C-alpha cells in the first residue's frame, strides 16, 4: 500500500467513525461497527489507531487542527483590519459548524459527557488554543483604538453560545422559519445568513470603541 493509499484509508476510517459517533454516540458505536461500514478489517483500525478512544482523539485532532490553522493565519494577517478579521471569524465559524455538523455534535457530546479525562482535556486544550488566537485579534483592535475594553472570554462565550443554541435547536427554528425539518439544505440557506448578520451586528455593538465615548 502506497503512502497516498494509507492516508486515504486513514481519512476514510475517520470519516466513517465521525458519522457513527454522531449518529449513535461514542458509547453506542463499536470498533466492529466502524470496520463494517468502512469496509475494512479490525486489524486495520488497530494498526492506524490502536483503540476506539485513540481513534476519537485522532478525529478531534484532525478536524480541530484545520480550524486552528485558519484562525492562526487570520490573526497574523497584516492586510486585514480588525473588523475584517471579526467578520471573517464569524463567517468561518458559521460555515464550519453547519458544514461539519456531525463533528460539532461529537465535540458537544464529549465535552459534556466524556468518560475519558484525556478526551475532555484534549477538547479543553483545543478550545484554549483557539481562544488565544481570537484574543490576539481583539487585543489588536483594542490597541488600535478600534475596539473597546471588554471581557474577551465572555464575549466569545456569547458568540459560541449562540452558535451552539442554534445548532442544538434545529427543530424549533425549522418550525419558526416554516422549513421541513428533513430539508437540511433549505434550513442552512435560511439560517446561516441570518446568523452571520446577527453575530456581526452583536460584535459591532459590543466591541465598537465609539460606544465608550
C-alpha atoms as a PDB file:
ATOM      1  CA  UNK A   1       0.000   0.000   0.000  1.00  0.00           C
ATOM      2  CA  UNK A   2       1.446   3.392  -1.035  1.00  0.00           C
ATOM      3  CA  UNK A   3       1.685   6.372   1.327  1.00  0.00           C
ATOM      4  CA  UNK A   4      -1.191   8.064  -0.510  1.00  0.00           C
ATOM      5  CA  UNK A   5      -3.344   4.964  -0.142  1.00  0.00           C
ATOM      6  CA  UNK A   6      -2.529   4.786   3.570  1.00  0.00           C
ATOM      7  CA  UNK A   7      -3.508   8.432   4.064  1.00  0.00           C
ATOM      8  CA  UNK A   8      -6.726   7.927   2.088  1.00  0.00           C
ATOM      9  CA  UNK A   9      -7.621   4.777   4.051  1.00  0.00           C
ATOM     10  CA  UNK A  10      -6.973   6.505   7.370  1.00  0.00           C
ATOM     11  CA  UNK A  11      -9.083   9.503   6.316  1.00  0.00           C
ATOM     12  CA  UNK A  12     -11.871   7.157   5.190  1.00  0.00           C
ATOM     13  CA  UNK A  13     -11.925   5.389   8.553  1.00  0.00           C
ATOM     14  CA  UNK A  14     -12.048   8.755  10.350  1.00  0.00           C
ATOM     15  CA  UNK A  15     -14.971   9.906   8.179  1.00  0.00           C
ATOM     16  CA  UNK A  16     -16.926   6.717   8.874  1.00  0.00           C
ATOM     17  CA  UNK A  17     -16.207   6.924  12.596  1.00  0.00           C
ATOM     18  CA  UNK A  18     -17.354  10.550  12.598  1.00  0.00           C
ATOM     19  CA  UNK A  19     -20.668   9.537  11.027  1.00  0.00           C
ATOM     20  CA  UNK A  20     -21.255   6.732  13.514  1.00  0.00           C
ATOM     21  CA  UNK A  21     -20.164   8.685  16.598  1.00  0.00           C
ATOM     22  CA  UNK A  22     -22.557  11.496  15.629  1.00  0.00           C
ATOM     23  CA  UNK A  23     -25.476   9.180  14.833  1.00  0.00           C
ATOM     24  CA  UNK A  24     -25.095   6.528  17.558  1.00  0.00           C
ATOM     25  CA  UNK A  25     -22.876   8.224  20.129  1.00  0.00           C
ATOM     26  CA  UNK A  26     -19.372   7.178  21.088  1.00  0.00           C
ATOM     27  CA  UNK A  27     -20.533   4.548  23.580  1.00  0.00           C
ATOM     28  CA  UNK A  28     -23.121   3.204  21.140  1.00  0.00           C
ATOM     29  CA  UNK A  29     -20.547   2.642  18.404  1.00  0.00           C
ATOM     30  CA  UNK A  30     -18.257  -0.378  18.389  1.00  0.00           C
ATOM     31  CA  UNK A  31     -14.996  -0.810  16.517  1.00  0.00           C
ATOM     32  CA  UNK A  32     -16.740  -3.598  14.621  1.00  0.00           C
ATOM     33  CA  UNK A  33     -19.454  -1.125  13.514  1.00  0.00           C
ATOM     34  CA  UNK A  34     -16.764   1.183  12.151  1.00  0.00           C
ATOM     35  CA  UNK A  35     -14.926  -1.649  10.408  1.00  0.00           C
ATOM     36  CA  UNK A  36     -18.100  -2.933   8.748  1.00  0.00           C
ATOM     37  CA  UNK A  37     -19.250   0.455   7.458  1.00  0.00           C
ATOM     38  CA  UNK A  38     -15.737   1.411   6.339  1.00  0.00           C
ATOM     39  CA  UNK A  39     -15.315  -1.996   4.691  1.00  0.00           C
ATOM     40  CA  UNK A  40     -12.011  -2.655   6.460  1.00  0.00           C
ATOM     41  CA  UNK A  41     -10.939  -5.332   8.911  1.00  0.00           C
ATOM     42  CA  UNK A  42     -10.490  -4.814  12.640  1.00  0.00           C
ATOM     43  CA  UNK A  43      -6.735  -5.232  12.343  1.00  0.00           C
ATOM     44  CA  UNK A  44      -6.502  -2.192  10.075  1.00  0.00           C
ATOM     45  CA  UNK A  45      -8.262   0.033  12.618  1.00  0.00           C
ATOM     46  CA  UNK A  46      -5.974  -1.314  15.314  1.00  0.00           C
ATOM     47  CA  UNK A  47      -2.961  -0.622  13.066  1.00  0.00           C
ATOM     48  CA  UNK A  48      -3.893   3.008  12.428  1.00  0.00           C
ATOM     49  CA  UNK A  49      -5.365   3.963  15.790  1.00  0.00           C
ATOM     50  CA  UNK A  50      -4.886   1.248  18.409  1.00  0.00           C
ATOM     51  CA  UNK A  51      -8.298   1.640  20.061  1.00  0.00           C
ATOM     52  CA  UNK A  52     -11.661   3.342  19.723  1.00  0.00           C
ATOM     53  CA  UNK A  53     -10.564   6.020  22.208  1.00  0.00           C
ATOM     54  CA  UNK A  54      -7.415   6.759  20.208  1.00  0.00           C
ATOM     55  CA  UNK A  55      -9.496   6.897  17.034  1.00  0.00           C
ATOM     56  CA  UNK A  56     -11.703   9.542  18.642  1.00  0.00           C
ATOM     57  CA  UNK A  57      -8.622  11.509  19.711  1.00  0.00           C
ATOM     58  CA  UNK A  58      -7.271  11.350  16.156  1.00  0.00           C
ATOM     59  CA  UNK A  59     -10.611  12.557  14.763  1.00  0.00           C
ATOM     60  CA  UNK A  60     -10.738  15.512  17.143  1.00  0.00           C
ATOM     61  CA  UNK A  61      -7.120  16.487  16.492  1.00  0.00           C
ATOM     62  CA  UNK A  62      -7.560  16.178  12.729  1.00  0.00           C
ATOM     63  CA  UNK A  63     -10.682  18.322  12.484  1.00  0.00           C
ATOM     64  CA  UNK A  64      -9.619  20.837  15.135  1.00  0.00           C
ATOM     65  CA  UNK A  65      -6.160  21.207  13.611  1.00  0.00           C
ATOM     66  CA  UNK A  66      -7.660  22.639  10.443  1.00  0.00           C
ATOM     67  CA  UNK A  67      -9.666  25.205  12.412  1.00  0.00           C
ATOM     68  CA  UNK A  68      -6.636  26.304  14.416  1.00  0.00           C
ATOM     69  CA  UNK A  69      -4.586  26.746  11.242  1.00  0.00           C
ATOM     70  CA  UNK A  70      -7.213  29.043   9.716  1.00  0.00           C
ATOM     71  CA  UNK A  71      -7.520  31.155  12.875  1.00  0.00           C
ATOM     72  CA  UNK A  72      -3.745  31.460  13.271  1.00  0.00           C
ATOM     73  CA  UNK A  73      -3.360  32.693   9.692  1.00  0.00           C
ATOM     74  CA  UNK A  74      -6.168  35.188  10.201  1.00  0.00           C
ATOM     75  CA  UNK A  75      -4.730  36.507  13.476  1.00  0.00           C
ATOM     76  CA  UNK A  76      -1.328  37.274  11.955  1.00  0.00           C
ATOM     77  CA  UNK A  77      -2.670  38.731   8.700  1.00  0.00           C
ATOM     78  CA  UNK A  78      -1.353  42.290   8.367  1.00  0.00           C
ATOM     79  CA  UNK A  79      -3.537  43.409   5.456  1.00  0.00           C
ATOM     80  CA  UNK A  80      -6.942  42.954   7.100  1.00  0.00           C
ATOM     81  CA  UNK A  81      -8.449  45.434   9.549  1.00  0.00           C
ATOM     82  CA  UNK A  82      -9.603  44.210  12.977  1.00  0.00           C
ATOM     83  CA  UNK A  83     -13.213  44.490  11.813  1.00  0.00           C
ATOM     84  CA  UNK A  84     -12.408  42.473   8.685  1.00  0.00           C
ATOM     85  CA  UNK A  85     -10.962  39.767  10.915  1.00  0.00           C
ATOM     86  CA  UNK A  86     -14.037  39.690  13.150  1.00  0.00           C
ATOM     87  CA  UNK A  87     -16.300  39.358  10.108  1.00  0.00           C
ATOM     88  CA  UNK A  88     -14.163  36.572   8.687  1.00  0.00           C
ATOM     89  CA  UNK A  89     -14.127  34.762  12.031  1.00  0.00           C
ATOM     90  CA  UNK A  90     -17.925  34.882  12.168  1.00  0.00           C
ATOM     91  CA  UNK A  91     -18.241  33.668   8.568  1.00  0.00           C
ATOM     92  CA  UNK A  92     -15.731  30.889   9.163  1.00  0.00           C
ATOM     93  CA  UNK A  93     -17.312  29.556  12.344  1.00  0.00           C
ATOM     94  CA  UNK A  94     -20.864  29.626  10.987  1.00  0.00           C
ATOM     95  CA  UNK A  95     -19.830  27.818   7.803  1.00  0.00           C
ATOM     96  CA  UNK A  96     -17.557  25.419   9.667  1.00  0.00           C
ATOM     97  CA  UNK A  97     -20.261  24.356  12.101  1.00  0.00           C
ATOM     98  CA  UNK A  98     -23.019  23.950   9.518  1.00  0.00           C
ATOM     99  CA  UNK A  99     -20.724  22.137   7.071  1.00  0.00           C
ATOM    100  CA  UNK A 100     -19.328  19.889   9.804  1.00  0.00           C
ATOM    101  CA  UNK A 101     -22.425  19.459  11.911  1.00  0.00           C
ATOM    102  CA  UNK A 102     -21.613  15.879  12.870  1.00  0.00           C
ATOM    103  CA  UNK A 103     -18.245  16.839  14.293  1.00  0.00           C
ATOM    104  CA  UNK A 104     -19.806  19.733  16.216  1.00  0.00           C
ATOM    105  CA  UNK A 105     -22.267  17.261  17.767  1.00  0.00           C
ATOM    106  CA  UNK A 106     -19.431  14.915  18.734  1.00  0.00           C
ATOM    107  CA  UNK A 107     -17.463  17.741  20.356  1.00  0.00           C
ATOM    108  CA  UNK A 108     -20.534  18.833  22.345  1.00  0.00           C
ATOM    109  CA  UNK A 109     -21.297  15.271  23.459  1.00  0.00           C
ATOM    110  CA  UNK A 110     -17.738  14.552  24.502  1.00  0.00           C
ATOM    111  CA  UNK A 111     -17.220  17.869  26.270  1.00  0.00           C
ATOM    112  CA  UNK A 112     -20.362  17.425  28.345  1.00  0.00           C
ATOM    113  CA  UNK A 113     -20.375  13.659  28.858  1.00  0.00           C
ATOM    114  CA  UNK A 114     -16.887  12.300  28.159  1.00  0.00           C
ATOM    115  CA  UNK A 115     -15.942   9.419  30.429  1.00  0.00           C
ATOM    116  CA  UNK A 116     -12.313   9.822  29.448  1.00  0.00           C
ATOM    117  CA  UNK A 117     -10.441  12.631  31.257  1.00  0.00           C
ATOM    118  CA  UNK A 118      -7.929  12.581  28.391  1.00  0.00           C
ATOM    119  CA  UNK A 119     -10.603  13.343  25.796  1.00  0.00           C
ATOM    120  CA  UNK A 120     -12.093  16.156  27.860  1.00  0.00           C
ATOM    121  CA  UNK A 121      -8.633  17.624  28.458  1.00  0.00           C
ATOM    122  CA  UNK A 122      -7.906  17.442  24.730  1.00  0.00           C
ATOM    123  CA  UNK A 123     -11.093  19.357  23.916  1.00  0.00           C
ATOM    124  CA  UNK A 124     -10.369  21.998  26.569  1.00  0.00           C
ATOM    125  CA  UNK A 125      -6.846  22.479  25.216  1.00  0.00           C
ATOM    126  CA  UNK A 126      -8.214  22.894  21.692  1.00  0.00           C
ATOM    127  CA  UNK A 127     -10.725  25.487  22.859  1.00  0.00           C
ATOM    128  CA  UNK A 128      -7.964  27.295  24.763  1.00  0.00           C
ATOM    129  CA  UNK A 129      -5.687  27.386  21.700  1.00  0.00           C
ATOM    130  CA  UNK A 130      -8.441  28.778  19.511  1.00  0.00           C
ATOM    131  CA  UNK A 131      -9.413  31.343  22.121  1.00  0.00           C
ATOM    132  CA  UNK A 132      -5.817  32.573  22.381  1.00  0.00           C
ATOM    133  CA  UNK A 133      -5.775  33.348  18.662  1.00  0.00           C
ATOM    134  CA  UNK A 134      -9.126  35.147  18.808  1.00  0.00           C
ATOM    135  CA  UNK A 135      -7.895  37.136  21.817  1.00  0.00           C
ATOM    136  CA  UNK A 136      -4.995  38.348  19.661  1.00  0.00           C
ATOM    137  CA  UNK A 137      -7.447  39.701  17.090  1.00  0.00           C
ATOM    138  CA  UNK A 138      -9.493  41.555  19.703  1.00  0.00           C
ATOM    139  CA  UNK A 139      -6.408  42.801  21.582  1.00  0.00           C
ATOM    140  CA  UNK A 140      -5.004  44.197  18.326  1.00  0.00           C
ATOM    141  CA  UNK A 141      -8.246  46.080  17.723  1.00  0.00           C
ATOM    142  CA  UNK A 142      -8.122  47.451  21.271  1.00  0.00           C
ATOM    143  CA  UNK A 143      -4.518  48.564  20.832  1.00  0.00           C
ATOM    144  CA  UNK A 144      -5.509  50.442  17.662  1.00  0.00           C
ATOM    145  CA  UNK A 145      -8.425  52.128  19.492  1.00  0.00           C
ATOM    146  CA  UNK A 146     -10.938  50.389  17.252  1.00  0.00           C
ATOM    147  CA  UNK A 147     -12.343  48.002  19.864  1.00  0.00           C
ATOM    148  CA  UNK A 148     -13.253  48.963  23.400  1.00  0.00           C
ATOM    149  CA  UNK A 149     -12.211  47.070  26.512  1.00  0.00           C
ATOM    150  CA  UNK A 150     -14.400  44.006  27.016  1.00  0.00           C
ATOM    151  CA  UNK A 151     -14.300  40.655  28.766  1.00  0.00           C
ATOM    152  CA  UNK A 152     -12.919  38.660  25.845  1.00  0.00           C
ATOM    153  CA  UNK A 153     -13.648  35.233  27.303  1.00  0.00           C
ATOM    154  CA  UNK A 154     -17.310  36.062  27.936  1.00  0.00           C
ATOM    155  CA  UNK A 155     -17.562  37.830  24.582  1.00  0.00           C
ATOM    156  CA  UNK A 156     -16.607  34.576  22.880  1.00  0.00           C
ATOM    157  CA  UNK A 157     -18.974  32.678  25.185  1.00  0.00           C
ATOM    158  CA  UNK A 158     -21.789  34.860  23.808  1.00  0.00           C
ATOM    159  CA  UNK A 159     -20.808  34.025  20.227  1.00  0.00           C
ATOM    160  CA  UNK A 160     -20.289  30.300  20.699  1.00  0.00           C
ATOM    161  CA  UNK A 161     -23.285  30.024  22.994  1.00  0.00           C
ATOM    162  CA  UNK A 162     -25.458  31.445  20.219  1.00  0.00           C
ATOM    163  CA  UNK A 163     -23.961  29.046  17.673  1.00  0.00           C
ATOM    164  CA  UNK A 164     -24.485  26.065  19.953  1.00  0.00           C
ATOM    165  CA  UNK A 165     -28.077  27.050  20.748  1.00  0.00           C
ATOM    166  CA  UNK A 166     -28.944  27.366  17.062  1.00  0.00           C
ATOM    167  CA  UNK A 167     -27.382  24.042  16.131  1.00  0.00           C
ATOM    168  CA  UNK A 168     -28.986  22.253  19.084  1.00  0.00           C
ATOM    169  CA  UNK A 169     -32.426  23.744  18.406  1.00  0.00           C
ATOM    170  CA  UNK A 170     -32.923  22.873  14.756  1.00  0.00           C
ATOM    171  CA  UNK A 171     -36.473  21.601  15.275  1.00  0.00           C
ATOM    172  CA  UNK A 172     -37.532  24.891  16.868  1.00  0.00           C
ATOM    173  CA  UNK A 173     -36.006  27.104  14.184  1.00  0.00           C
ATOM    174  CA  UNK A 174     -37.323  24.953  11.346  1.00  0.00           C
ATOM    175  CA  UNK A 175     -40.806  25.496  12.743  1.00  0.00           C
ATOM    176  CA  UNK A 176     -40.227  29.228  13.213  1.00  0.00           C
ATOM    177  CA  UNK A 177     -38.989  29.567   9.622  1.00  0.00           C
ATOM    178  CA  UNK A 178     -41.619  27.159   8.262  1.00  0.00           C
ATOM    179  CA  UNK A 179     -38.988  24.770   6.895  1.00  0.00           C
ATOM    180  CA  UNK A 180     -39.363  20.992   6.689  1.00  0.00           C
ATOM    181  CA  UNK A 181     -37.047  19.586   9.352  1.00  0.00           C
ATOM    182  CA  UNK A 182     -35.771  16.974   6.906  1.00  0.00           C
ATOM    183  CA  UNK A 183     -34.810  19.655   4.347  1.00  0.00           C
ATOM    184  CA  UNK A 184     -31.353  20.379   5.700  1.00  0.00           C
ATOM    185  CA  UNK A 185     -30.180  22.397   2.680  1.00  0.00           C
ATOM    186  CA  UNK A 186     -33.073  24.871   2.833  1.00  0.00           C
ATOM    187  CA  UNK A 187     -32.627  25.215   6.591  1.00  0.00           C
ATOM    188  CA  UNK A 188     -28.955  26.085   6.210  1.00  0.00           C
ATOM    189  CA  UNK A 189     -29.626  28.538   3.385  1.00  0.00           C
ATOM    190  CA  UNK A 190     -32.162  30.365   5.537  1.00  0.00           C
ATOM    191  CA  UNK A 191     -30.484  30.330   8.940  1.00  0.00           C
ATOM    192  CA  UNK A 192     -26.792  30.799   8.048  1.00  0.00           C
ATOM    193  CA  UNK A 193     -27.072  34.333   6.551  1.00  0.00           C
ATOM    194  CA  UNK A 194     -29.308  35.464   9.422  1.00  0.00           C
ATOM    195  CA  UNK A 195     -26.892  34.039  11.957  1.00  0.00           C
ATOM    196  CA  UNK A 196     -23.873  35.704  10.343  1.00  0.00           C
ATOM    197  CA  UNK A 197     -25.640  39.068  10.210  1.00  0.00           C
ATOM    198  CA  UNK A 198     -26.796  38.809  13.819  1.00  0.00           C
ATOM    199  CA  UNK A 199     -23.371  37.847  15.181  1.00  0.00           C
ATOM    200  CA  UNK A 200     -21.629  40.621  13.242  1.00  0.00           C
ATOM    201  CA  UNK A 201     -24.155  43.184  14.492  1.00  0.00           C
ATOM    202  CA  UNK A 202     -23.757  41.876  18.031  1.00  0.00           C
ATOM    203  CA  UNK A 203     -19.965  42.121  17.858  1.00  0.00           C
ATOM    204  CA  UNK A 204     -20.098  45.666  16.487  1.00  0.00           C
ATOM    205  CA  UNK A 205     -22.476  46.807  19.191  1.00  0.00           C
ATOM    206  CA  UNK A 206     -20.276  45.179  21.819  1.00  0.00           C
ATOM    207  CA  UNK A 207     -16.778  45.995  20.547  1.00  0.00           C
ATOM    208  CA  UNK A 208     -17.025  49.367  18.796  1.00  0.00           C
ATOM    209  CA  UNK A 209     -14.722  51.850  20.527  1.00  0.00           C
ATOM    210  CA  UNK A 210     -17.171  54.657  19.728  1.00  0.00           C
ATOM    211  CA  UNK A 211     -19.612  53.133  22.195  1.00  0.00           C
ATOM    212  CA  UNK A 212     -17.245  54.040  25.039  1.00  0.00           C
ATOM    213  CA  UNK A 213     -17.350  57.718  24.204  1.00  0.00           C
END
